[in-house]
Amino acid sequence: DWTDVEYLSMLGLPEREQSDAEVFTGNSTGPVDWRTVGDTVTPVKDQGACGSCWAFSATETTESSWVIAGNDQVIMAPQELVDCAKGILSNHGCNGGWYYYAWKWNKDNMTMKESDYPYTSGTTGKETKCAYDESKGVTLVAGYEQVGEDTESIKAAIEQGPVSVAVAAGNDVFRNYTSGIVTEDDGCPSNLDHAIQAVGWGSENGQDYYIVRNSWNTTWGDQGYIKIGTGSGKGVCGINQAVYRNWV
């Protein structure tokens, strides 16, 4: 029941600039679903009426990296990134941003807990004054890298942990998804406008797919998730173009 204006307000990726990150390549060994591995994947969240998808994608991948590093699950604060990880050539609060710019902030400024820095922009549609408190920080992001735009490398990266991805979501294919696998035949475009997180990959009837978590609550899609088929070139819904992972 979103209006078009409400829907578009949740898409938050500015024009992409080339990242200076190293590029990971690798070979896949088999399917993985990190939702079934301990507490690696935190619950589906709701970004609300703010183009903060990039901040949610960034914190979710850091949350997963934190657990994979041997720590207890922590729900981290996207509001910290919305308010603080800003700059003329980087992120713009509720007006969009990129997860790798968020991790640049987290290289020197620790992630805070959601309980210590609650998310408010989903209701107001606006960022607030940066209230970063180092004494309540959880972890720094030690590094990050882009993943090669080929299916094998993306699968291999996901097998090591959930990754941040960007897709074309401002279209009816993505907006109206409820179940099944979105494939190249569905006509989803490739212009990136929304950041989310890939938490696994699998295969059904010969069709491989990525298991992708959105940040629009569990009422969207399949309990907050979508299966996006693997594909060549830019990928289905453009998913191959901006795959990044980090470590703490």
C-alpha atoms as a PDB file:
ATOM      1  CA  ASP A   1       0.000   0.000   0.000  1.00  0.00           C
ATOM      2  CA  TRP A   2       2.969   2.345  -0.451  1.00  0.00           C
ATOM      3  CA  THR A   3       2.412   5.323  -2.718  1.00  0.00           C
ATOM      4  CA  ASP A   4       5.012   5.812  -5.453  1.00  0.00           C
ATOM      5  CA  VAL A   5       6.511   8.711  -3.488  1.00  0.00           C
ATOM      6  CA  GLU A   6       6.763   6.600  -0.326  1.00  0.00           C
ATOM      7  CA  TYR A   7       8.308   3.721  -2.246  1.00  0.00           C
ATOM      8  CA  LEU A   8      10.907   5.849  -4.010  1.00  0.00           C
ATOM      9  CA  SER A   9      11.877   7.496  -0.703  1.00  0.00           C
ATOM     10  CA  MET A  10      13.304   4.156   0.451  1.00  0.00           C
ATOM     11  CA  LEU A  11      15.704   3.877  -2.491  1.00  0.00           C
ATOM     12  CA  GLY A  12      18.977   5.494  -1.551  1.00  0.00           C
ATOM     13  CA  LEU A  13      21.979   5.073  -3.854  1.00  0.00           C
ATOM     14  CA  PRO A  14      23.585   8.151  -5.431  1.00  0.00           C
ATOM     15  CA  GLU A  15      25.520   7.915  -8.672  1.00  0.00           C
ATOM     16  CA  ARG A  16      28.287   5.429  -8.130  1.00  0.00           C
ATOM     17  CA  GLU A  17      31.894   6.537  -8.012  1.00  0.00           C
ATOM     18  CA  GLN A  18      34.702   4.073  -8.535  1.00  0.00           C
ATOM     19  CA  SER A  19      35.879   2.564  -5.254  1.00  0.00           C
ATOM     20  CA  ASP A  20      39.583   2.262  -4.445  1.00  0.00           C
ATOM     21  CA  ALA A  21      39.080  -1.147  -2.800  1.00  0.00           C
ATOM     22  CA  GLU A  22      41.002  -4.275  -3.693  1.00  0.00           C
ATOM     23  CA  VAL A  23      39.076  -6.841  -5.767  1.00  0.00           C
ATOM     24  CA  PHE A  24      38.449 -10.375  -4.502  1.00  0.00           C
ATOM     25  CA  THR A  25      38.164 -13.285  -6.930  1.00  0.00           C
ATOM     26  CA  GLY A  26      37.652 -16.943  -6.149  1.00  0.00           C
ATOM     27  CA  ASN A  27      35.959 -20.230  -6.969  1.00  0.00           C
ATOM     28  CA  SER A  28      32.789 -21.549  -5.382  1.00  0.00           C
ATOM     29  CA  THR A  29      32.685 -24.863  -3.520  1.00  0.00           C
ATOM     30  CA  GLY A  30      28.972 -25.181  -2.752  1.00  0.00           C
ATOM     31  CA  PRO A  31      25.731 -23.556  -1.553  1.00  0.00           C
ATOM     32  CA  VAL A  32      25.462 -21.835   1.821  1.00  0.00           C
ATOM     33  CA  ASP A  33      22.682 -20.183   3.815  1.00  0.00           C
ATOM     34  CA  TRP A  34      24.111 -18.122   6.667  1.00  0.00           C
ATOM     35  CA  ARG A  35      20.650 -17.830   8.249  1.00  0.00           C
ATOM     36  CA  THR A  36      21.147 -21.410   9.421  1.00  0.00           C
ATOM     37  CA  VAL A  37      24.642 -20.863  10.845  1.00  0.00           C
ATOM     38  CA  GLY A  38      24.403 -19.728  14.460  1.00  0.00           C
ATOM     39  CA  ASP A  39      23.539 -16.045  14.899  1.00  0.00           C
ATOM     40  CA  THR A  40      25.394 -14.866  11.810  1.00  0.00           C
ATOM     41  CA  VAL A  41      22.353 -13.134  10.300  1.00  0.00           C
ATOM     42  CA  THR A  42      20.436 -10.655  12.448  1.00  0.00           C
ATOM     43  CA  PRO A  43      16.638 -10.239  12.112  1.00  0.00           C
ATOM     44  CA  VAL A  44      15.112  -8.434   9.114  1.00  0.00           C
ATOM     45  CA  LYS A  45      14.913  -4.685   9.798  1.00  0.00           C
ATOM     46  CA  ASP A  46      12.807  -1.769   8.589  1.00  0.00           C
ATOM     47  CA  GLN A  47      14.478   1.385   7.268  1.00  0.00           C
ATOM     48  CA  GLY A  48      11.155   3.213   7.042  1.00  0.00           C
ATOM     49  CA  ALA A  49      10.736   6.495   5.165  1.00  0.00           C
ATOM     50  CA  CYS A  50      14.438   7.268   4.742  1.00  0.00           C
ATOM     51  CA  GLY A  51      16.835   6.498   1.909  1.00  0.00           C
ATOM     52  CA  SER A  52      19.170   4.796   4.372  1.00  0.00           C
ATOM     53  CA  CYS A  53      19.355   1.384   2.703  1.00  0.00           C
ATOM     54  CA  TRP A  54      23.128   1.837   2.376  1.00  0.00           C
ATOM     55  CA  ALA A  55      23.478   2.245   6.161  1.00  0.00           C
ATOM     56  CA  PHE A  56      21.420  -0.869   6.854  1.00  0.00           C
ATOM     57  CA  SER A  57      23.391  -2.914   4.323  1.00  0.00           C
ATOM     58  CA  ALA A  58      26.652  -1.676   5.841  1.00  0.00           C
ATOM     59  CA  THR A  59      25.719  -2.442   9.448  1.00  0.00           C
ATOM     60  CA  GLU A  60      24.225  -5.831   8.566  1.00  0.00           C
ATOM     61  CA  THR A  61      27.419  -7.000   6.890  1.00  0.00           C
ATOM     62  CA  THR A  62      29.470  -5.738   9.834  1.00  0.00           C
ATOM     63  CA  GLU A  63      27.131  -7.587  12.211  1.00  0.00           C
ATOM     64  CA  SER A  64      27.735 -10.804  10.287  1.00  0.00           C
ATOM     65  CA  SER A  65      31.510 -10.259  10.144  1.00  0.00           C
ATOM     66  CA  TRP A  66      31.520  -9.660  13.910  1.00  0.00           C
ATOM     67  CA  VAL A  67      29.846 -13.021  14.588  1.00  0.00           C
ATOM     68  CA  ILE A  68      32.015 -14.902  12.070  1.00  0.00           C
ATOM     69  CA  ALA A  69      35.061 -13.468  13.884  1.00  0.00           C
ATOM     70  CA  GLY A  70      33.941 -15.394  16.974  1.00  0.00           C
ATOM     71  CA  ASN A  71      31.829 -12.863  18.857  1.00  0.00           C
ATOM     72  CA  ASP A  72      28.274 -12.884  20.186  1.00  0.00           C
ATOM     73  CA  GLN A  73      25.629 -11.293  17.977  1.00  0.00           C
ATOM     74  CA  VAL A  74      25.191  -7.528  18.342  1.00  0.00           C
ATOM     75  CA  ILE A  75      22.520  -5.391  16.672  1.00  0.00           C
ATOM     76  CA  MET A  76      24.427  -2.382  15.371  1.00  0.00           C
ATOM     77  CA  ALA A  77      23.194   1.154  14.737  1.00  0.00           C
ATOM     78  CA  PRO A  78      22.463   2.341  11.187  1.00  0.00           C
ATOM     79  CA  GLN A  79      21.490   5.721  12.670  1.00  0.00           C
ATOM     80  CA  GLU A  80      25.154   6.308  13.517  1.00  0.00           C
ATOM     81  CA  LEU A  81      26.034   6.015   9.833  1.00  0.00           C
ATOM     82  CA  VAL A  82      23.063   8.097   8.682  1.00  0.00           C
ATOM     83  CA  ASP A  83      24.069  10.911  11.043  1.00  0.00           C
ATOM     84  CA  CYS A  84      27.857  10.689  11.058  1.00  0.00           C
ATOM     85  CA  ALA A  85      29.232   8.961   7.920  1.00  0.00           C
ATOM     86  CA  LYS A  86      28.585  11.971   5.717  1.00  0.00           C
ATOM     87  CA  GLY A  87      30.474  14.055   3.215  1.00  0.00           C
ATOM     88  CA  ILE A  88      30.143  15.950  -0.035  1.00  0.00           C
ATOM     89  CA  LEU A  89      31.618  13.074  -2.053  1.00  0.00           C
ATOM     90  CA  SER A  90      30.336  10.209   0.068  1.00  0.00           C
ATOM     91  CA  ASN A  91      27.067   9.673   1.944  1.00  0.00           C
ATOM     92  CA  HIS A  92      24.090  11.948   2.338  1.00  0.00           C
ATOM     93  CA  GLY A  93      21.999  10.631   5.222  1.00  0.00           C
ATOM     94  CA  CYS A  94      18.425   9.928   4.130  1.00  0.00           C
ATOM     95  CA  ASN A  95      19.309  11.061   0.615  1.00  0.00           C
ATOM     96  CA  GLY A  96      21.444   8.040  -0.106  1.00  0.00           C
ATOM     97  CA  GLY A  97      24.967   6.710   0.157  1.00  0.00           C
ATOM     98  CA  TRP A  98      27.187   3.662  -0.274  1.00  0.00           C
ATOM     99  CA  TYR A  99      28.153   0.956   2.175  1.00  0.00           C
ATOM    100  CA  TYR A 100      31.876   1.203   1.393  1.00  0.00           C
ATOM    101  CA  TYR A 101      31.853   4.894   2.325  1.00  0.00           C
ATOM    102  CA  ALA A 102      30.181   3.874   5.594  1.00  0.00           C
ATOM    103  CA  TRP A 103      33.020   1.434   6.249  1.00  0.00           C
ATOM    104  CA  LYS A 104      35.539   4.222   5.693  1.00  0.00           C
ATOM    105  CA  TRP A 105      33.884   5.951   8.654  1.00  0.00           C
ATOM    106  CA  ASN A 106      34.049   2.701  10.635  1.00  0.00           C
ATOM    107  CA  LYS A 107      37.776   2.315  10.013  1.00  0.00           C
ATOM    108  CA  ASP A 108      38.358   5.094  12.551  1.00  0.00           C
ATOM    109  CA  ASN A 109      35.018   5.203  14.380  1.00  0.00           C
ATOM    110  CA  MET A 110      33.562   2.105  16.008  1.00  0.00           C
ATOM    111  CA  THR A 111      30.098   0.820  15.307  1.00  0.00           C
ATOM    112  CA  MET A 112      27.665   1.458  18.128  1.00  0.00           C
ATOM    113  CA  LYS A 113      24.778  -0.701  19.306  1.00  0.00           C
ATOM    114  CA  GLU A 114      21.249   0.025  18.156  1.00  0.00           C
ATOM    115  CA  SER A 115      20.263   0.144  21.827  1.00  0.00           C
ATOM    116  CA  ASP A 116      22.760   2.976  22.415  1.00  0.00           C
ATOM    117  CA  TYR A 117      22.011   4.875  19.195  1.00  0.00           C
ATOM    118  CA  PRO A 118      18.354   4.157  18.265  1.00  0.00           C
ATOM    119  CA  TYR A 119      17.086   4.489  14.710  1.00  0.00           C
ATOM    120  CA  THR A 120      14.743   7.477  14.321  1.00  0.00           C
ATOM    121  CA  SER A 121      15.064   8.482  10.660  1.00  0.00           C
ATOM    122  CA  GLY A 122      12.563   5.838   9.577  1.00  0.00           C
ATOM    123  CA  THR A 123       9.827   7.908  11.161  1.00  0.00           C
ATOM    124  CA  THR A 124      11.060  11.430  10.471  1.00  0.00           C
ATOM    125  CA  GLY A 125      12.684  10.866   7.085  1.00  0.00           C
ATOM    126  CA  LYS A 126      15.601  13.005   8.237  1.00  0.00           C
ATOM    127  CA  GLU A 127      19.006  12.465   9.803  1.00  0.00           C
ATOM    128  CA  THR A 128      19.882  14.020  13.165  1.00  0.00           C
ATOM    129  CA  LYS A 129      23.002  15.568  14.676  1.00  0.00           C
ATOM    130  CA  CYS A 130      25.877  13.085  14.949  1.00  0.00           C
ATOM    131  CA  ALA A 131      25.941  11.657  18.474  1.00  0.00           C
ATOM    132  CA  TYR A 132      28.872   9.237  18.166  1.00  0.00           C
ATOM    133  CA  ASP A 133      30.140   8.006  21.534  1.00  0.00           C
ATOM    134  CA  GLU A 134      33.437   6.129  21.330  1.00  0.00           C
ATOM    135  CA  SER A 135      33.007   4.757  24.864  1.00  0.00           C
ATOM    136  CA  LYS A 136      30.023   2.759  23.628  1.00  0.00           C
ATOM    137  CA  GLY A 137      31.671   1.481  20.457  1.00  0.00           C
ATOM    138  CA  VAL A 138      31.685  -2.227  19.589  1.00  0.00           C
ATOM    139  CA  THR A 139      34.210  -2.663  16.789  1.00  0.00           C
ATOM    140  CA  LEU A 140      36.087  -0.991  13.979  1.00  0.00           C
ATOM    141  CA  VAL A 141      35.939  -2.267  10.404  1.00  0.00           C
ATOM    142  CA  ALA A 142      39.486  -3.449   9.744  1.00  0.00           C
ATOM    143  CA  GLY A 143      39.087  -3.542   5.968  1.00  0.00           C
ATOM    144  CA  TYR A 144      36.861  -4.146   3.002  1.00  0.00           C
ATOM    145  CA  GLU A 145      37.098  -5.119  -0.650  1.00  0.00           C
ATOM    146  CA  GLN A 146      35.020  -5.358  -3.771  1.00  0.00           C
ATOM    147  CA  VAL A 147      34.114  -8.779  -5.138  1.00  0.00           C
ATOM    148  CA  GLY A 148      34.685  -9.561  -8.800  1.00  0.00           C
ATOM    149  CA  GLU A 149      31.586  -9.169 -10.957  1.00  0.00           C
ATOM    150  CA  ASP A 150      31.527 -12.830 -11.997  1.00  0.00           C
ATOM    151  CA  THR A 151      29.207 -15.419 -10.479  1.00  0.00           C
ATOM    152  CA  GLU A 152      31.977 -17.701  -9.227  1.00  0.00           C
ATOM    153  CA  SER A 153      33.682 -14.938  -7.280  1.00  0.00           C
ATOM    154  CA  ILE A 154      30.412 -13.703  -5.791  1.00  0.00           C
ATOM    155  CA  LYS A 155      29.440 -17.219  -4.683  1.00  0.00           C
ATOM    156  CA  ALA A 156      32.919 -17.786  -3.239  1.00  0.00           C
ATOM    157  CA  ALA A 157      32.730 -14.533  -1.276  1.00  0.00           C
ATOM    158  CA  ILE A 158      29.279 -15.382   0.088  1.00  0.00           C
ATOM    159  CA  GLU A 159      30.593 -18.771   1.199  1.00  0.00           C
ATOM    160  CA  GLN A 160      32.992 -16.878   3.466  1.00  0.00           C
ATOM    161  CA  GLY A 161      30.284 -14.578   4.842  1.00  0.00           C
ATOM    162  CA  PRO A 162      27.307 -12.356   3.947  1.00  0.00           C
ATOM    163  CA  VAL A 163      28.101  -9.458   1.611  1.00  0.00           C
ATOM    164  CA  SER A 164      26.619  -6.068   0.771  1.00  0.00           C
ATOM    165  CA  VAL A 165      25.053  -5.787  -2.675  1.00  0.00           C
ATOM    166  CA  ALA A 166      23.188  -3.203  -4.732  1.00  0.00           C
ATOM    167  CA  VAL A 167      20.223  -3.827  -7.022  1.00  0.00           C
ATOM    168  CA  ALA A 168      17.648  -2.143  -9.218  1.00  0.00           C
ATOM    169  CA  ALA A 169      14.609  -1.943  -6.930  1.00  0.00           C
ATOM    170  CA  GLY A 170      12.673   0.957  -8.440  1.00  0.00           C
ATOM    171  CA  ASN A 171      10.623  -1.314 -10.682  1.00  0.00           C
ATOM    172  CA  ASP A 172       7.557  -3.538 -10.413  1.00  0.00           C
ATOM    173  CA  VAL A 173       9.533  -6.797 -10.633  1.00  0.00           C
ATOM    174  CA  PHE A 174      11.325  -6.051  -7.369  1.00  0.00           C
ATOM    175  CA  ARG A 175       8.564  -4.045  -5.712  1.00  0.00           C
ATOM    176  CA  ASN A 176       5.901  -6.721  -6.128  1.00  0.00           C
ATOM    177  CA  TYR A 177       8.057  -9.762  -5.339  1.00  0.00           C
ATOM    178  CA  THR A 178       6.483 -12.361  -3.045  1.00  0.00           C
ATOM    179  CA  SER A 179       8.116 -15.717  -3.833  1.00  0.00           C
ATOM    180  CA  GLY A 180      10.164 -17.755  -6.296  1.00  0.00           C
ATOM    181  CA  ILE A 181      13.352 -16.817  -8.121  1.00  0.00           C
ATOM    182  CA  VAL A 182      13.708 -13.590 -10.100  1.00  0.00           C
ATOM    183  CA  THR A 183      15.564 -14.501 -13.298  1.00  0.00           C
ATOM    184  CA  GLU A 184      16.783 -12.727 -16.421  1.00  0.00           C
ATOM    185  CA  ASP A 185      13.480 -13.621 -18.076  1.00  0.00           C
ATOM    186  CA  ASP A 186      11.547 -11.404 -15.640  1.00  0.00           C
ATOM    187  CA  GLY A 187      12.982  -8.219 -17.133  1.00  0.00           C
ATOM    188  CA  CYS A 188      14.332  -6.605 -13.972  1.00  0.00           C
ATOM    189  CA  PRO A 189      16.539  -3.665 -15.059  1.00  0.00           C
ATOM    190  CA  SER A 190      20.153  -3.141 -13.954  1.00  0.00           C
ATOM    191  CA  ASN A 191      20.297   0.513 -12.862  1.00  0.00           C
ATOM    192  CA  LEU A 192      21.378   0.390  -9.211  1.00  0.00           C
ATOM    193  CA  ASP A 193      19.249   2.314  -6.725  1.00  0.00           C
ATOM    194  CA  HIS A 194      18.995   0.178  -3.581  1.00  0.00           C
ATOM    195  CA  ALA A 195      21.443  -1.479  -1.171  1.00  0.00           C
ATOM    196  CA  ILE A 196      20.735  -4.802   0.554  1.00  0.00           C
ATOM    197  CA  GLN A 197      22.634  -7.885   1.773  1.00  0.00           C
ATOM    198  CA  ALA A 198      23.231 -11.323   0.241  1.00  0.00           C
ATOM    199  CA  VAL A 199      23.287 -13.967   2.987  1.00  0.00           C
ATOM    200  CA  GLY A 200      23.658 -17.136   0.941  1.00  0.00           C
ATOM    201  CA  TRP A 201      23.159 -18.854  -2.366  1.00  0.00           C
ATOM    202  CA  GLY A 202      21.356 -21.979  -3.504  1.00  0.00           C
ATOM    203  CA  SER A 203      19.956 -23.830  -6.497  1.00  0.00           C
ATOM    204  CA  GLU A 204      16.502 -25.026  -7.579  1.00  0.00           C
ATOM    205  CA  ASN A 205      15.812 -27.053 -10.722  1.00  0.00           C
ATOM    206  CA  GLY A 206      19.099 -26.037 -12.271  1.00  0.00           C
ATOM    207  CA  GLN A 207      18.690 -22.324 -11.494  1.00  0.00           C
ATOM    208  CA  ASP A 208      21.232 -20.879  -9.065  1.00  0.00           C
ATOM    209  CA  TYR A 209      20.164 -17.892  -6.970  1.00  0.00           C
ATOM    210  CA  TYR A 210      21.340 -15.515  -4.278  1.00  0.00           C
ATOM    211  CA  ILE A 211      19.460 -15.332  -0.971  1.00  0.00           C
ATOM    212  CA  VAL A 212      19.056 -11.619  -0.373  1.00  0.00           C
ATOM    213  CA  ARG A 213      17.776  -9.805   2.715  1.00  0.00           C
ATOM    214  CA  ASN A 214      15.973  -6.495   2.305  1.00  0.00           C
ATOM    215  CA  SER A 215      15.398  -3.784   4.938  1.00  0.00           C
ATOM    216  CA  TRP A 216      11.679  -3.197   4.377  1.00  0.00           C
ATOM    217  CA  ASN A 217      10.370  -5.326   7.252  1.00  0.00           C
ATOM    218  CA  THR A 218       9.134  -8.923   7.001  1.00  0.00           C
ATOM    219  CA  THR A 219       5.897  -7.739   5.359  1.00  0.00           C
ATOM    220  CA  TRP A 220       7.759  -7.256   2.063  1.00  0.00           C
ATOM    221  CA  GLY A 221       8.738 -10.146  -0.212  1.00  0.00           C
ATOM    222  CA  ASP A 222       9.158 -13.588   1.304  1.00  0.00           C
ATOM    223  CA  GLN A 223       9.404 -12.679   5.009  1.00  0.00           C
ATOM    224  CA  GLY A 224      11.758  -9.853   4.077  1.00  0.00           C
ATOM    225  CA  TYR A 225      13.848 -11.885   1.620  1.00  0.00           C
ATOM    226  CA  ILE A 226      14.115 -12.300  -2.147  1.00  0.00           C
ATOM    227  CA  LYS A 227      15.795 -14.934  -4.308  1.00  0.00           C
ATOM    228  CA  ILE A 228      17.674 -13.295  -7.171  1.00  0.00           C
ATOM    229  CA  GLY A 229      18.928 -15.613  -9.876  1.00  0.00           C
ATOM    230  CA  THR A 230      22.567 -15.645 -10.879  1.00  0.00           C
ATOM    231  CA  GLY A 231      23.285 -14.239 -14.298  1.00  0.00           C
ATOM    232  CA  SER A 232      26.041 -12.971 -16.558  1.00  0.00           C
ATOM    233  CA  GLY A 233      27.157  -9.410 -17.160  1.00  0.00           C
ATOM    234  CA  LYS A 234      25.599  -6.934 -14.753  1.00  0.00           C
ATOM    235  CA  GLY A 235      23.480  -9.721 -13.262  1.00  0.00           C
ATOM    236  CA  VAL A 236      19.756 -10.042 -12.566  1.00  0.00           C
ATOM    237  CA  CYS A 237      18.531  -6.678 -11.219  1.00  0.00           C
ATOM    238  CA  GLY A 238      22.152  -5.534 -11.639  1.00  0.00           C
ATOM    239  CA  ILE A 239      23.272  -7.484  -8.573  1.00  0.00           C
ATOM    240  CA  ASN A 240      26.768  -8.355  -9.894  1.00  0.00           C
ATOM    241  CA  GLN A 241      27.969  -4.763 -10.141  1.00  0.00           C
ATOM    242  CA  ALA A 242      28.727  -3.617  -6.584  1.00  0.00           C
ATOM    243  CA  VAL A 243      29.310  -6.616  -4.321  1.00  0.00           C
ATOM    244  CA  TYR A 244      31.457  -5.757  -1.287  1.00  0.00           C
ATOM    245  CA  ARG A 245      32.527  -7.546   1.863  1.00  0.00           C
ATOM    246  CA  ASN A 246      34.292  -6.411   5.025  1.00  0.00           C
ATOM    247  CA  TRP A 247      36.059  -7.831   8.064  1.00  0.00           C
ATOM    248  CA  VAL A 248      36.512  -6.672  11.651  1.00  0.00           C
END
